[in-house]
Amino acid sequence: MPLAACRLFQHEIGAILRTVPQGERYSISITGTKHFNFTDYAVTFSPLRAFGLLGSIEGARGLEITRAYVAAFFDTYLNKMPSPLLAGEAHTYPEVHSSPP
């Protein structure tokens, strides 16, 4: 996908997220990740790293962070057990940064 199309997509996603009231939405980023870090390629041998399509974060660490934040989201909204991970920066995961969408 060309860079211009990626930027347009990001802008459109941001526009959708901004329709959700403040305090009821989440936008996080994980330092050292790229798109393919959120696939199985991040934890298996992959030529994608050689082509620069994987970020610098170690695959298992990225998976650990993703698993923790997905579980926190589901615990909060499906199990009605609020998670401190969703309240802001977590010392356990300094790679994670929250920002308004």
C-alpha atoms as a PDB file:
ATOM      1  CA  MET A   1       0.000   0.000   0.000  1.00  0.00           C
ATOM      2  CA  PRO A   2       1.479   3.375  -0.945  1.00  0.00           C
ATOM      3  CA  LEU A   3       2.389   5.766   1.878  1.00  0.00           C
ATOM      4  CA  ALA A   4      -0.328   8.253   0.884  1.00  0.00           C
ATOM      5  CA  ALA A   5      -2.984   5.529   1.104  1.00  0.00           C
ATOM      6  CA  CYS A   6      -1.680   4.482   4.538  1.00  0.00           C
ATOM      7  CA  ARG A   7      -1.857   8.041   5.817  1.00  0.00           C
ATOM      8  CA  LEU A   8      -5.394   8.443   4.472  1.00  0.00           C
ATOM      9  CA  PHE A   9      -6.416   5.203   6.166  1.00  0.00           C
ATOM     10  CA  GLN A  10      -4.901   6.359   9.487  1.00  0.00           C
ATOM     11  CA  HIS A  11      -6.712   9.700   9.173  1.00  0.00           C
ATOM     12  CA  GLU A  12     -10.034   7.939   8.505  1.00  0.00           C
ATOM     13  CA  ILE A  13      -9.582   5.597  11.473  1.00  0.00           C
ATOM     14  CA  GLY A  14      -8.767   8.608  13.669  1.00  0.00           C
ATOM     15  CA  ALA A  15     -11.916  10.372  12.471  1.00  0.00           C
ATOM     16  CA  ILE A  16     -14.014   7.358  13.460  1.00  0.00           C
ATOM     17  CA  LEU A  17     -12.346   7.083  16.870  1.00  0.00           C
ATOM     18  CA  ARG A  18     -12.898  10.783  17.561  1.00  0.00           C
ATOM     19  CA  THR A  19     -16.666  10.153  17.422  1.00  0.00           C
ATOM     20  CA  VAL A  20     -16.359   8.035  20.590  1.00  0.00           C
ATOM     21  CA  PRO A  21     -16.550  10.199  23.743  1.00  0.00           C
ATOM     22  CA  GLN A  22     -13.269  11.021  25.504  1.00  0.00           C
ATOM     23  CA  GLY A  23     -12.602   8.513  28.275  1.00  0.00           C
ATOM     24  CA  GLU A  24     -14.378   5.733  26.385  1.00  0.00           C
ATOM     25  CA  ARG A  25     -11.747   5.151  23.704  1.00  0.00           C
ATOM     26  CA  TYR A  26      -8.192   3.874  23.613  1.00  0.00           C
ATOM     27  CA  SER A  27      -5.319   4.491  21.254  1.00  0.00           C
ATOM     28  CA  ILE A  28      -2.039   2.834  22.163  1.00  0.00           C
ATOM     29  CA  SER A  29       1.209   2.266  20.354  1.00  0.00           C
ATOM     30  CA  ILE A  30       4.041  -0.096  21.109  1.00  0.00           C
ATOM     31  CA  THR A  31       7.545   1.209  20.467  1.00  0.00           C
ATOM     32  CA  GLY A  32       9.505  -1.041  18.151  1.00  0.00           C
ATOM     33  CA  THR A  33       6.544  -2.492  16.275  1.00  0.00           C
ATOM     34  CA  LYS A  34       5.372  -2.368  12.696  1.00  0.00           C
ATOM     35  CA  HIS A  35       2.258  -3.825  11.111  1.00  0.00           C
ATOM     36  CA  PHE A  36       3.550  -7.383  10.768  1.00  0.00           C
ATOM     37  CA  ASN A  37       4.610  -7.513  14.431  1.00  0.00           C
ATOM     38  CA  PHE A  38       0.947  -8.275  15.149  1.00  0.00           C
ATOM     39  CA  THR A  39       1.036 -11.509  13.143  1.00  0.00           C
ATOM     40  CA  ASP A  40       2.604 -14.924  13.663  1.00  0.00           C
ATOM     41  CA  TYR A  41       5.613 -13.736  11.650  1.00  0.00           C
ATOM     42  CA  ALA A  42       6.907 -11.823  14.670  1.00  0.00           C
ATOM     43  CA  VAL A  43       7.495 -15.004  16.678  1.00  0.00           C
ATOM     44  CA  THR A  44       8.501 -17.401  13.919  1.00  0.00           C
ATOM     45  CA  PHE A  45      11.456 -17.338  11.591  1.00  0.00           C
ATOM     46  CA  SER A  46      10.527 -14.818   8.979  1.00  0.00           C
ATOM     47  CA  PRO A  47      12.276 -13.187   6.052  1.00  0.00           C
ATOM     48  CA  LEU A  48      10.070 -10.157   6.761  1.00  0.00           C
ATOM     49  CA  ARG A  49      12.636  -8.940   9.308  1.00  0.00           C
ATOM     50  CA  ALA A  50      15.315  -8.841   6.604  1.00  0.00           C
ATOM     51  CA  PHE A  51      13.034  -6.667   4.471  1.00  0.00           C
ATOM     52  CA  GLY A  52      12.363  -4.244   7.331  1.00  0.00           C
ATOM     53  CA  LEU A  53       8.718  -5.260   7.663  1.00  0.00           C
ATOM     54  CA  LEU A  54       9.041  -6.199  11.340  1.00  0.00           C
ATOM     55  CA  GLY A  55       9.931  -3.714  14.048  1.00  0.00           C
ATOM     56  CA  SER A  56      12.835  -4.046  16.439  1.00  0.00           C
ATOM     57  CA  ILE A  57      10.873  -5.407  19.415  1.00  0.00           C
ATOM     58  CA  GLU A  58      11.547  -9.058  20.190  1.00  0.00           C
ATOM     59  CA  GLY A  59       8.603 -11.160  18.954  1.00  0.00           C
ATOM     60  CA  ALA A  60       7.723 -12.827  22.256  1.00  0.00           C
ATOM     61  CA  ARG A  61       7.787  -9.459  24.062  1.00  0.00           C
ATOM     62  CA  GLY A  62       5.429  -7.907  21.536  1.00  0.00           C
ATOM     63  CA  LEU A  63       3.093 -10.879  21.860  1.00  0.00           C
ATOM     64  CA  GLU A  64       3.192 -10.622  25.675  1.00  0.00           C
ATOM     65  CA  ILE A  65       2.216  -6.952  25.537  1.00  0.00           C
ATOM     66  CA  THR A  66      -0.542  -7.517  22.991  1.00  0.00           C
ATOM     67  CA  ARG A  67      -1.961 -10.420  25.003  1.00  0.00           C
ATOM     68  CA  ALA A  68      -1.967  -8.330  28.209  1.00  0.00           C
ATOM     69  CA  TYR A  69      -3.777  -5.363  26.635  1.00  0.00           C
ATOM     70  CA  VAL A  70      -6.367  -7.489  24.826  1.00  0.00           C
ATOM     71  CA  ALA A  71      -7.078  -9.354  28.081  1.00  0.00           C
ATOM     72  CA  ALA A  72      -7.327  -6.038  29.963  1.00  0.00           C
ATOM     73  CA  PHE A  73      -9.813  -4.701  27.417  1.00  0.00           C
ATOM     74  CA  PHE A  74     -12.000  -7.813  27.581  1.00  0.00           C
ATOM     75  CA  ASP A  75     -11.791  -7.989  31.374  1.00  0.00           C
ATOM     76  CA  THR A  76     -12.902  -4.363  31.593  1.00  0.00           C
ATOM     77  CA  TYR A  77     -15.753  -4.473  29.112  1.00  0.00           C
ATOM     78  CA  LEU A  78     -16.955  -8.081  29.150  1.00  0.00           C
ATOM     79  CA  ASN A  79     -16.172  -9.197  32.696  1.00  0.00           C
ATOM     80  CA  LYS A  80     -16.769  -5.781  34.336  1.00  0.00           C
ATOM     81  CA  MET A  81     -13.357  -5.959  36.046  1.00  0.00           C
ATOM     82  CA  PRO A  82     -11.568  -2.644  35.291  1.00  0.00           C
ATOM     83  CA  SER A  83      -7.895  -3.028  34.472  1.00  0.00           C
ATOM     84  CA  PRO A  84      -5.203  -0.560  35.527  1.00  0.00           C
ATOM     85  CA  LEU A  85      -3.468  -1.197  32.178  1.00  0.00           C
ATOM     86  CA  LEU A  86      -6.174   0.773  30.416  1.00  0.00           C
ATOM     87  CA  ALA A  87      -5.864   3.683  32.840  1.00  0.00           C
ATOM     88  CA  GLY A  88      -2.543   4.886  31.427  1.00  0.00           C
ATOM     89  CA  GLU A  89       1.136   4.075  31.202  1.00  0.00           C
ATOM     90  CA  ALA A  90       2.163   0.772  32.781  1.00  0.00           C
ATOM     91  CA  HIS A  91       5.582   0.317  34.358  1.00  0.00           C
ATOM     92  CA  THR A  92       5.516  -3.343  33.309  1.00  0.00           C
ATOM     93  CA  TYR A  93       5.287  -2.307  29.655  1.00  0.00           C
ATOM     94  CA  PRO A  94       7.342   0.866  29.106  1.00  0.00           C
ATOM     95  CA  GLU A  95       7.113   0.262  25.335  1.00  0.00           C
ATOM     96  CA  VAL A  96       3.396   1.121  25.432  1.00  0.00           C
ATOM     97  CA  HIS A  97       2.260   4.704  24.939  1.00  0.00           C
ATOM     98  CA  SER A  98      -1.283   6.017  25.116  1.00  0.00           C
ATOM     99  CA  SER A  99      -2.401   8.888  22.980  1.00  0.00           C
ATOM    100  CA  PRO A 100      -5.668  10.469  21.984  1.00  0.00           C
ATOM    101  CA  PRO A 101      -6.868   9.167  18.598  1.00  0.00           C
END
